[in-house]
Amino acid sequence: MESIGVRFEKITTKILDGSAVILMAVIMTIIIASVAARVTGAFGMDWFEEIVGLGLTWMVLIKAALLFKDKDHLQVDALSLLVSKNKECHKIYNIFIDTITFLSLVGFAIISFALCYTTRKSSPMLGFTFKLWYFSMCVSSVLSSIYVSMRLMRELRA
């Protein structure tokens, strides 16, 4: 039987991957429509940049959370290779890196929520609140924190 953590990872991975694919399709459709509109002069699509920017922000931060889940994020590879020869040192190294990563992500989440809560600005063309952009940072940092904490717990139990 799968643990709750494994099920959470599988479900969120499917949802996030699907969301990223949908966002990419929307972005590409809008870009193609915008190019066609400019070439033909049929209609103006000045607002497309806001939609593309919003979609791109969400897509990048969704994929960033998935990178944390798979431990494909940036890390100190030279040091990792050095300590990988000793199993106990490698475990301590992984715990240390994951702890620092987790604390950084929690700080990022706090700042993201503060930005999301305090912003009053809106996008110039469509009037979208910037909270839509900042909320993507909140979602990404919380999901990344959850993934890193799950990996940290597995490492501490091993």
N, C-alpha and C. Protein backbone atom coordinates (compact mmCIF):
# COMPACT_ATOMS: atom_id res chain seq x y z
N MET A 1 0.83 -1.19 0.00
CA MET A 1 0.00 0.00 0.00
C MET A 1 0.88 1.25 0.00
N GLU A 2 0.50 2.22 -0.81
CA GLU A 2 1.26 3.45 -0.92
C GLU A 2 1.00 4.37 0.27
N SER A 3 2.04 5.07 0.67
CA SER A 3 1.87 6.04 1.75
C SER A 3 1.16 7.29 1.22
N ILE A 4 0.71 8.09 2.13
CA ILE A 4 0.03 9.33 1.75
C ILE A 4 0.99 10.24 0.98
N GLY A 5 2.25 10.27 1.40
CA GLY A 5 3.24 11.10 0.73
C GLY A 5 3.47 10.70 -0.72
N VAL A 6 3.54 9.38 -0.97
CA VAL A 6 3.74 8.90 -2.33
C VAL A 6 2.53 9.22 -3.19
N ARG A 7 1.33 9.02 -2.64
CA ARG A 7 0.12 9.36 -3.39
C ARG A 7 0.05 10.85 -3.67
N PHE A 8 0.41 11.67 -2.67
CA PHE A 8 0.43 13.13 -2.86
C PHE A 8 1.36 13.51 -4.00
N GLU A 9 2.57 12.90 -4.02
CA GLU A 9 3.53 13.21 -5.08
C GLU A 9 3.00 12.82 -6.45
N LYS A 10 2.40 11.64 -6.56
CA LYS A 10 1.88 11.18 -7.85
C LYS A 10 0.75 12.08 -8.35
N ILE A 11 -0.17 12.40 -7.47
CA ILE A 11 -1.32 13.23 -7.86
C ILE A 11 -0.88 14.63 -8.25
N THR A 12 -0.05 15.25 -7.40
CA THR A 12 0.38 16.62 -7.70
C THR A 12 1.26 16.66 -8.95
N THR A 13 2.06 15.63 -9.17
CA THR A 13 2.89 15.59 -10.38
C THR A 13 2.01 15.57 -11.63
N LYS A 14 0.99 14.73 -11.63
CA LYS A 14 0.09 14.67 -12.79
C LYS A 14 -0.62 16.00 -13.00
N ILE A 15 -1.11 16.60 -11.92
CA ILE A 15 -1.82 17.88 -12.03
C ILE A 15 -0.89 18.98 -12.52
N LEU A 16 0.31 19.05 -11.93
CA LEU A 16 1.25 20.11 -12.30
C LEU A 16 1.77 19.93 -13.72
N ASP A 17 2.10 18.70 -14.09
CA ASP A 17 2.56 18.46 -15.47
C ASP A 17 1.46 18.81 -16.47
N GLY A 18 0.24 18.39 -16.19
CA GLY A 18 -0.89 18.71 -17.07
C GLY A 18 -1.13 20.20 -17.17
N SER A 19 -1.03 20.89 -16.04
CA SER A 19 -1.21 22.34 -16.02
C SER A 19 -0.13 23.04 -16.86
N ALA A 20 1.09 22.58 -16.73
CA ALA A 20 2.18 23.19 -17.50
C ALA A 20 1.98 22.99 -18.99
N VAL A 21 1.52 21.81 -19.38
CA VAL A 21 1.27 21.54 -20.81
C VAL A 21 0.14 22.43 -21.32
N ILE A 22 -0.93 22.55 -20.55
CA ILE A 22 -2.06 23.40 -20.94
C ILE A 22 -1.61 24.86 -21.06
N LEU A 23 -0.83 25.33 -20.08
CA LEU A 23 -0.34 26.71 -20.12
C LEU A 23 0.53 26.94 -21.35
N MET A 24 1.37 25.97 -21.67
CA MET A 24 2.23 26.11 -22.85
C MET A 24 1.38 26.17 -24.12
N ALA A 25 0.34 25.34 -24.20
CA ALA A 25 -0.54 25.37 -25.37
C ALA A 25 -1.26 26.71 -25.49
N VAL A 26 -1.73 27.24 -24.37
CA VAL A 26 -2.40 28.55 -24.37
C VAL A 26 -1.42 29.65 -24.81
N ILE A 27 -0.23 29.61 -24.26
CA ILE A 27 0.78 30.62 -24.61
C ILE A 27 1.09 30.57 -26.10
N MET A 28 1.31 29.38 -26.62
CA MET A 28 1.63 29.24 -28.05
C MET A 28 0.46 29.69 -28.92
N THR A 29 -0.77 29.35 -28.54
CA THR A 29 -1.95 29.77 -29.30
C THR A 29 -2.06 31.29 -29.34
N ILE A 30 -1.86 31.92 -28.21
CA ILE A 30 -1.96 33.39 -28.14
C ILE A 30 -0.85 34.04 -28.96
N ILE A 31 0.36 33.49 -28.89
CA ILE A 31 1.46 34.06 -29.66
C ILE A 31 1.19 33.93 -31.17
N ILE A 32 0.73 32.76 -31.59
CA ILE A 32 0.42 32.55 -33.01
C ILE A 32 -0.70 33.48 -33.46
N ALA A 33 -1.73 33.61 -32.64
CA ALA A 33 -2.85 34.50 -32.98
C ALA A 33 -2.38 35.95 -33.04
N SER A 34 -1.50 36.33 -32.14
CA SER A 34 -0.99 37.70 -32.14
C SER A 34 -0.17 37.98 -33.39
N VAL A 35 0.68 37.03 -33.78
CA VAL A 35 1.48 37.21 -34.99
C VAL A 35 0.56 37.31 -36.21
N ALA A 36 -0.43 36.42 -36.28
CA ALA A 36 -1.37 36.45 -37.40
C ALA A 36 -2.13 37.77 -37.44
N ALA A 37 -2.52 38.27 -36.27
CA ALA A 37 -3.25 39.53 -36.22
C ALA A 37 -2.39 40.70 -36.68
N ARG A 38 -1.13 40.68 -36.32
CA ARG A 38 -0.25 41.77 -36.72
C ARG A 38 0.07 41.72 -38.22
N VAL A 39 0.25 40.50 -38.74
CA VAL A 39 0.57 40.34 -40.16
C VAL A 39 -0.61 40.74 -41.03
N THR A 40 -1.79 40.28 -40.66
CA THR A 40 -2.98 40.56 -41.48
C THR A 40 -3.60 41.91 -41.18
N GLY A 41 -3.32 42.45 -40.01
CA GLY A 41 -3.92 43.71 -39.61
C GLY A 41 -5.40 43.58 -39.31
N ALA A 42 -5.86 42.34 -39.11
CA ALA A 42 -7.28 42.08 -38.89
C ALA A 42 -7.78 42.68 -37.58
N PHE A 43 -7.02 42.53 -36.55
CA PHE A 43 -7.43 43.08 -35.26
C PHE A 43 -6.18 43.20 -34.38
N GLY A 44 -6.26 44.05 -33.40
CA GLY A 44 -5.13 44.27 -32.50
C GLY A 44 -5.19 43.35 -31.29
N MET A 45 -4.05 42.89 -30.90
CA MET A 45 -3.97 42.04 -29.71
C MET A 45 -2.89 42.57 -28.79
N ASP A 46 -3.01 43.80 -28.38
CA ASP A 46 -2.00 44.39 -27.50
C ASP A 46 -2.00 43.73 -26.12
N TRP A 47 -3.11 43.17 -25.73
CA TRP A 47 -3.24 42.58 -24.41
C TRP A 47 -2.56 41.22 -24.29
N PHE A 48 -2.13 40.65 -25.43
CA PHE A 48 -1.59 39.29 -25.40
C PHE A 48 -0.36 39.18 -24.51
N GLU A 49 0.43 40.25 -24.43
CA GLU A 49 1.65 40.20 -23.63
C GLU A 49 1.37 39.94 -22.16
N GLU A 50 0.28 40.49 -21.65
CA GLU A 50 -0.07 40.25 -20.25
C GLU A 50 -0.46 38.81 -20.01
N ILE A 51 -1.24 38.24 -20.91
CA ILE A 51 -1.66 36.85 -20.78
C ILE A 51 -0.45 35.92 -20.90
N VAL A 52 0.40 36.19 -21.89
CA VAL A 52 1.59 35.36 -22.08
C VAL A 52 2.51 35.46 -20.87
N GLY A 53 2.70 36.66 -20.35
CA GLY A 53 3.55 36.84 -19.17
C GLY A 53 3.01 36.11 -17.95
N LEU A 54 1.71 36.19 -17.75
CA LEU A 54 1.09 35.50 -16.63
C LEU A 54 1.20 33.98 -16.79
N GLY A 55 0.90 33.49 -17.99
CA GLY A 55 0.99 32.05 -18.24
C GLY A 55 2.42 31.53 -18.12
N LEU A 56 3.38 32.29 -18.62
CA LEU A 56 4.77 31.89 -18.55
C LEU A 56 5.26 31.85 -17.11
N THR A 57 4.87 32.84 -16.32
CA THR A 57 5.25 32.86 -14.91
C THR A 57 4.74 31.62 -14.19
N TRP A 58 3.47 31.32 -14.38
CA TRP A 58 2.89 30.13 -13.73
C TRP A 58 3.56 28.86 -14.21
N MET A 59 3.81 28.74 -15.52
CA MET A 59 4.41 27.53 -16.07
C MET A 59 5.81 27.31 -15.50
N VAL A 60 6.62 28.34 -15.47
CA VAL A 60 7.99 28.21 -14.98
C VAL A 60 8.01 27.83 -13.50
N LEU A 61 7.17 28.47 -12.70
CA LEU A 61 7.18 28.18 -11.27
C LEU A 61 6.56 26.82 -10.95
N ILE A 62 5.62 26.37 -11.76
CA ILE A 62 5.08 25.01 -11.59
C ILE A 62 6.18 23.99 -11.86
N LYS A 63 6.91 24.18 -12.95
CA LYS A 63 7.99 23.24 -13.28
C LYS A 63 9.12 23.33 -12.26
N ALA A 64 9.35 24.50 -11.68
CA ALA A 64 10.38 24.63 -10.64
C ALA A 64 10.03 23.76 -9.43
N ALA A 65 8.76 23.74 -9.05
CA ALA A 65 8.34 22.90 -7.94
C ALA A 65 8.59 21.43 -8.25
N LEU A 66 8.33 21.03 -9.49
CA LEU A 66 8.58 19.64 -9.88
C LEU A 66 10.07 19.31 -9.88
N LEU A 67 10.90 20.28 -10.20
CA LEU A 67 12.35 20.06 -10.13
C LEU A 67 12.79 19.79 -8.69
N PHE A 68 12.20 20.50 -7.75
CA PHE A 68 12.53 20.25 -6.34
C PHE A 68 12.09 18.85 -5.94
N LYS A 69 10.95 18.41 -6.45
CA LYS A 69 10.45 17.07 -6.12
C LYS A 69 11.43 16.01 -6.58
N ASP A 70 11.94 16.17 -7.78
CA ASP A 70 12.85 15.17 -8.36
C ASP A 70 14.32 15.41 -8.01
N LYS A 71 14.60 16.43 -7.24
CA LYS A 71 15.95 16.84 -6.85
C LYS A 71 16.80 17.14 -8.08
N ASP A 72 16.19 17.77 -9.06
CA ASP A 72 16.89 18.18 -10.28
C ASP A 72 17.31 19.64 -10.22
N HIS A 73 17.17 20.25 -9.06
CA HIS A 73 17.52 21.65 -8.92
C HIS A 73 19.04 21.80 -8.80
N LEU A 74 19.49 23.02 -8.81
CA LEU A 74 20.91 23.31 -8.68
C LEU A 74 21.42 22.85 -7.32
N GLN A 75 22.55 22.23 -7.30
CA GLN A 75 23.17 21.88 -6.04
C GLN A 75 24.68 21.92 -6.22
N VAL A 76 25.40 21.74 -5.15
CA VAL A 76 26.85 21.80 -5.21
C VAL A 76 27.36 20.42 -5.63
N ASP A 77 27.52 20.23 -6.94
CA ASP A 77 27.88 18.92 -7.46
C ASP A 77 29.29 18.48 -7.08
N ALA A 78 30.24 19.41 -7.08
CA ALA A 78 31.62 19.05 -6.76
C ALA A 78 31.70 18.51 -5.33
N LEU A 79 31.04 19.19 -4.42
CA LEU A 79 31.04 18.74 -3.03
C LEU A 79 30.28 17.42 -2.89
N SER A 80 29.21 17.27 -3.65
CA SER A 80 28.43 16.04 -3.62
C SER A 80 29.27 14.86 -4.08
N LEU A 81 30.06 15.05 -5.13
CA LEU A 81 30.94 13.97 -5.61
C LEU A 81 32.01 13.63 -4.58
N LEU A 82 32.50 14.64 -3.90
CA LEU A 82 33.53 14.42 -2.89
C LEU A 82 33.01 13.59 -1.72
N VAL A 83 31.81 13.88 -1.26
CA VAL A 83 31.28 13.16 -0.10
C VAL A 83 30.56 11.88 -0.48
N SER A 84 30.31 11.64 -1.76
CA SER A 84 29.56 10.45 -2.16
C SER A 84 30.31 9.15 -1.92
N LYS A 85 31.62 9.23 -1.73
CA LYS A 85 32.42 8.04 -1.48
C LYS A 85 32.16 7.46 -0.10
N ASN A 86 31.80 8.31 0.82
CA ASN A 86 31.50 7.88 2.18
C ASN A 86 29.99 7.99 2.40
N LYS A 87 29.35 6.86 2.63
CA LYS A 87 27.89 6.83 2.70
C LYS A 87 27.35 7.71 3.84
N GLU A 88 27.98 7.69 4.99
CA GLU A 88 27.52 8.48 6.13
C GLU A 88 27.70 9.98 5.87
N CYS A 89 28.82 10.35 5.28
CA CYS A 89 29.06 11.77 4.94
C CYS A 89 28.05 12.24 3.90
N HIS A 90 27.73 11.37 2.94
CA HIS A 90 26.78 11.73 1.90
C HIS A 90 25.39 11.95 2.49
N LYS A 91 25.02 11.12 3.46
CA LYS A 91 23.72 11.28 4.12
C LYS A 91 23.67 12.61 4.87
N ILE A 92 24.73 12.92 5.61
CA ILE A 92 24.79 14.19 6.35
C ILE A 92 24.75 15.37 5.38
N TYR A 93 25.48 15.24 4.28
CA TYR A 93 25.48 16.28 3.25
C TYR A 93 24.07 16.51 2.70
N ASN A 94 23.37 15.43 2.35
CA ASN A 94 22.01 15.55 1.82
C ASN A 94 21.07 16.18 2.83
N ILE A 95 21.19 15.79 4.09
CA ILE A 95 20.34 16.39 5.14
C ILE A 95 20.64 17.88 5.26
N PHE A 96 21.91 18.24 5.23
CA PHE A 96 22.32 19.64 5.33
C PHE A 96 21.78 20.46 4.17
N ILE A 97 21.95 19.96 2.93
CA ILE A 97 21.48 20.68 1.74
C ILE A 97 19.97 20.80 1.76
N ASP A 98 19.27 19.71 2.09
CA ASP A 98 17.80 19.75 2.12
C ASP A 98 17.28 20.68 3.21
N THR A 99 17.97 20.74 4.34
CA THR A 99 17.55 21.65 5.43
C THR A 99 17.71 23.11 5.00
N ILE A 100 18.84 23.43 4.40
CA ILE A 100 19.05 24.80 3.91
C ILE A 100 18.04 25.14 2.82
N THR A 101 17.79 24.20 1.92
CA THR A 101 16.81 24.42 0.86
C THR A 101 15.44 24.65 1.44
N PHE A 102 15.05 23.82 2.41
CA PHE A 102 13.73 23.96 3.03
C PHE A 102 13.58 25.33 3.70
N LEU A 103 14.58 25.73 4.46
CA LEU A 103 14.51 27.03 5.14
C LEU A 103 14.44 28.18 4.14
N SER A 104 15.20 28.07 3.05
CA SER A 104 15.14 29.10 2.00
C SER A 104 13.77 29.17 1.36
N LEU A 105 13.17 28.00 1.10
CA LEU A 105 11.85 27.97 0.49
C LEU A 105 10.77 28.51 1.43
N VAL A 106 10.91 28.24 2.71
CA VAL A 106 9.95 28.80 3.68
C VAL A 106 10.07 30.33 3.69
N GLY A 107 11.30 30.84 3.65
CA GLY A 107 11.49 32.29 3.57
C GLY A 107 10.90 32.87 2.31
N PHE A 108 11.10 32.18 1.19
CA PHE A 108 10.53 32.60 -0.08
C PHE A 108 9.00 32.59 -0.02
N ALA A 109 8.43 31.59 0.63
CA ALA A 109 6.97 31.51 0.77
C ALA A 109 6.44 32.69 1.59
N ILE A 110 7.13 33.01 2.67
CA ILE A 110 6.70 34.13 3.54
C ILE A 110 6.74 35.44 2.75
N ILE A 111 7.83 35.67 2.02
CA ILE A 111 7.95 36.89 1.22
C ILE A 111 6.88 36.92 0.12
N SER A 112 6.63 35.77 -0.50
CA SER A 112 5.63 35.69 -1.57
C SER A 112 4.24 36.02 -1.05
N PHE A 113 3.90 35.45 0.10
CA PHE A 113 2.59 35.74 0.68
C PHE A 113 2.48 37.21 1.06
N ALA A 114 3.57 37.80 1.58
CA ALA A 114 3.56 39.22 1.92
C ALA A 114 3.35 40.07 0.67
N LEU A 115 4.04 39.74 -0.43
CA LEU A 115 3.85 40.47 -1.68
C LEU A 115 2.42 40.32 -2.19
N CYS A 116 1.92 39.11 -2.11
CA CYS A 116 0.57 38.84 -2.60
C CYS A 116 -0.47 39.61 -1.78
N TYR A 117 -0.24 39.70 -0.50
CA TYR A 117 -1.19 40.36 0.39
C TYR A 117 -1.15 41.88 0.25
N THR A 118 0.05 42.44 0.05
CA THR A 118 0.19 43.89 0.11
C THR A 118 0.08 44.60 -1.24
N THR A 119 0.20 43.88 -2.35
CA THR A 119 0.20 44.55 -3.64
C THR A 119 -1.16 45.15 -3.97
N ARG A 120 -1.10 46.30 -4.60
CA ARG A 120 -2.32 46.99 -5.04
C ARG A 120 -2.27 47.28 -6.54
N LYS A 121 -1.17 46.90 -7.18
CA LYS A 121 -0.98 47.22 -8.59
C LYS A 121 -1.80 46.29 -9.48
N SER A 122 -2.09 46.80 -10.66
CA SER A 122 -2.79 46.02 -11.68
C SER A 122 -2.03 46.12 -12.99
N SER A 123 -2.23 45.13 -13.85
CA SER A 123 -1.59 45.16 -15.16
C SER A 123 -2.20 46.30 -15.98
N PRO A 124 -1.41 46.93 -16.83
CA PRO A 124 -1.88 48.14 -17.51
C PRO A 124 -3.01 47.92 -18.51
N MET A 125 -3.00 46.83 -19.24
CA MET A 125 -3.96 46.65 -20.32
C MET A 125 -5.28 46.03 -19.85
N LEU A 126 -5.19 44.89 -19.21
CA LEU A 126 -6.40 44.16 -18.81
C LEU A 126 -6.83 44.44 -17.37
N GLY A 127 -5.95 45.07 -16.61
CA GLY A 127 -6.29 45.40 -15.24
C GLY A 127 -6.23 44.22 -14.29
N PHE A 128 -5.51 43.14 -14.67
CA PHE A 128 -5.34 42.00 -13.77
C PHE A 128 -4.53 42.44 -12.56
N THR A 129 -4.94 42.01 -11.40
CA THR A 129 -4.15 42.33 -10.21
C THR A 129 -2.83 41.56 -10.25
N PHE A 130 -1.79 42.20 -9.78
CA PHE A 130 -0.48 41.53 -9.75
C PHE A 130 -0.47 40.38 -8.76
N LYS A 131 -1.51 40.27 -7.95
CA LYS A 131 -1.60 39.14 -7.03
C LYS A 131 -1.60 37.82 -7.79
N LEU A 132 -2.10 37.81 -9.02
CA LEU A 132 -2.08 36.59 -9.83
C LEU A 132 -0.66 36.13 -10.10
N TRP A 133 0.26 37.06 -10.33
CA TRP A 133 1.65 36.71 -10.54
C TRP A 133 2.30 36.28 -9.22
N TYR A 134 2.07 37.06 -8.18
CA TYR A 134 2.69 36.75 -6.88
C TYR A 134 2.16 35.45 -6.29
N PHE A 135 0.91 35.13 -6.56
CA PHE A 135 0.34 33.90 -6.02
C PHE A 135 1.02 32.67 -6.62
N SER A 136 1.51 32.79 -7.87
CA SER A 136 2.25 31.67 -8.45
C SER A 136 3.52 31.38 -7.66
N MET A 137 4.15 32.44 -7.13
CA MET A 137 5.32 32.24 -6.28
C MET A 137 4.93 31.55 -4.99
N CYS A 138 3.79 31.90 -4.44
CA CYS A 138 3.30 31.26 -3.21
C CYS A 138 3.09 29.77 -3.44
N VAL A 139 2.40 29.43 -4.50
CA VAL A 139 2.10 28.03 -4.81
C VAL A 139 3.38 27.25 -5.03
N SER A 140 4.28 27.79 -5.82
CA SER A 140 5.54 27.10 -6.11
C SER A 140 6.37 26.89 -4.85
N SER A 141 6.50 27.91 -4.01
CA SER A 141 7.33 27.79 -2.82
C SER A 141 6.72 26.82 -1.81
N VAL A 142 5.40 26.81 -1.68
CA VAL A 142 4.76 25.88 -0.75
C VAL A 142 4.91 24.44 -1.25
N LEU A 143 4.63 24.21 -2.53
CA LEU A 143 4.80 22.86 -3.07
C LEU A 143 6.25 22.39 -2.98
N SER A 144 7.18 23.27 -3.33
CA SER A 144 8.60 22.91 -3.23
C SER A 144 8.99 22.59 -1.80
N SER A 145 8.49 23.38 -0.85
CA SER A 145 8.77 23.13 0.58
C SER A 145 8.24 21.77 1.01
N ILE A 146 7.04 21.44 0.55
CA ILE A 146 6.46 20.14 0.89
C ILE A 146 7.31 19.01 0.32
N TYR A 147 7.70 19.12 -0.95
CA TYR A 147 8.51 18.08 -1.57
C TYR A 147 9.85 17.92 -0.86
N VAL A 148 10.52 19.04 -0.54
CA VAL A 148 11.81 18.97 0.12
C VAL A 148 11.66 18.41 1.53
N SER A 149 10.61 18.80 2.25
CA SER A 149 10.42 18.27 3.61
C SER A 149 10.14 16.77 3.58
N MET A 150 9.40 16.30 2.57
CA MET A 150 9.16 14.86 2.44
C MET A 150 10.47 14.12 2.18
N ARG A 151 11.31 14.68 1.31
CA ARG A 151 12.61 14.06 1.04
C ARG A 151 13.48 14.09 2.28
N LEU A 152 13.44 15.18 3.02
CA LEU A 152 14.22 15.30 4.25
C LEU A 152 13.78 14.27 5.28
N MET A 153 12.48 14.08 5.41
CA MET A 153 11.97 13.06 6.36
C MET A 153 12.42 11.66 5.95
N ARG A 154 12.38 11.37 4.65
CA ARG A 154 12.86 10.06 4.18
C ARG A 154 14.34 9.88 4.49
N GLU A 155 15.11 10.94 4.30
CA GLU A 155 16.54 10.88 4.56
C GLU A 155 16.84 10.69 6.05
N LEU A 156 16.07 11.35 6.89
CA LEU A 156 16.27 11.21 8.34
C LEU A 156 15.87 9.82 8.83
N ARG A 157 14.87 9.21 8.21
CA ARG A 157 14.44 7.86 8.61
C ARG A 157 15.40 6.78 8.14
N ALA A 158 16.11 7.06 7.03
CA ALA A 158 16.99 6.02 6.44
C ALA A 158 18.21 5.77 7.28
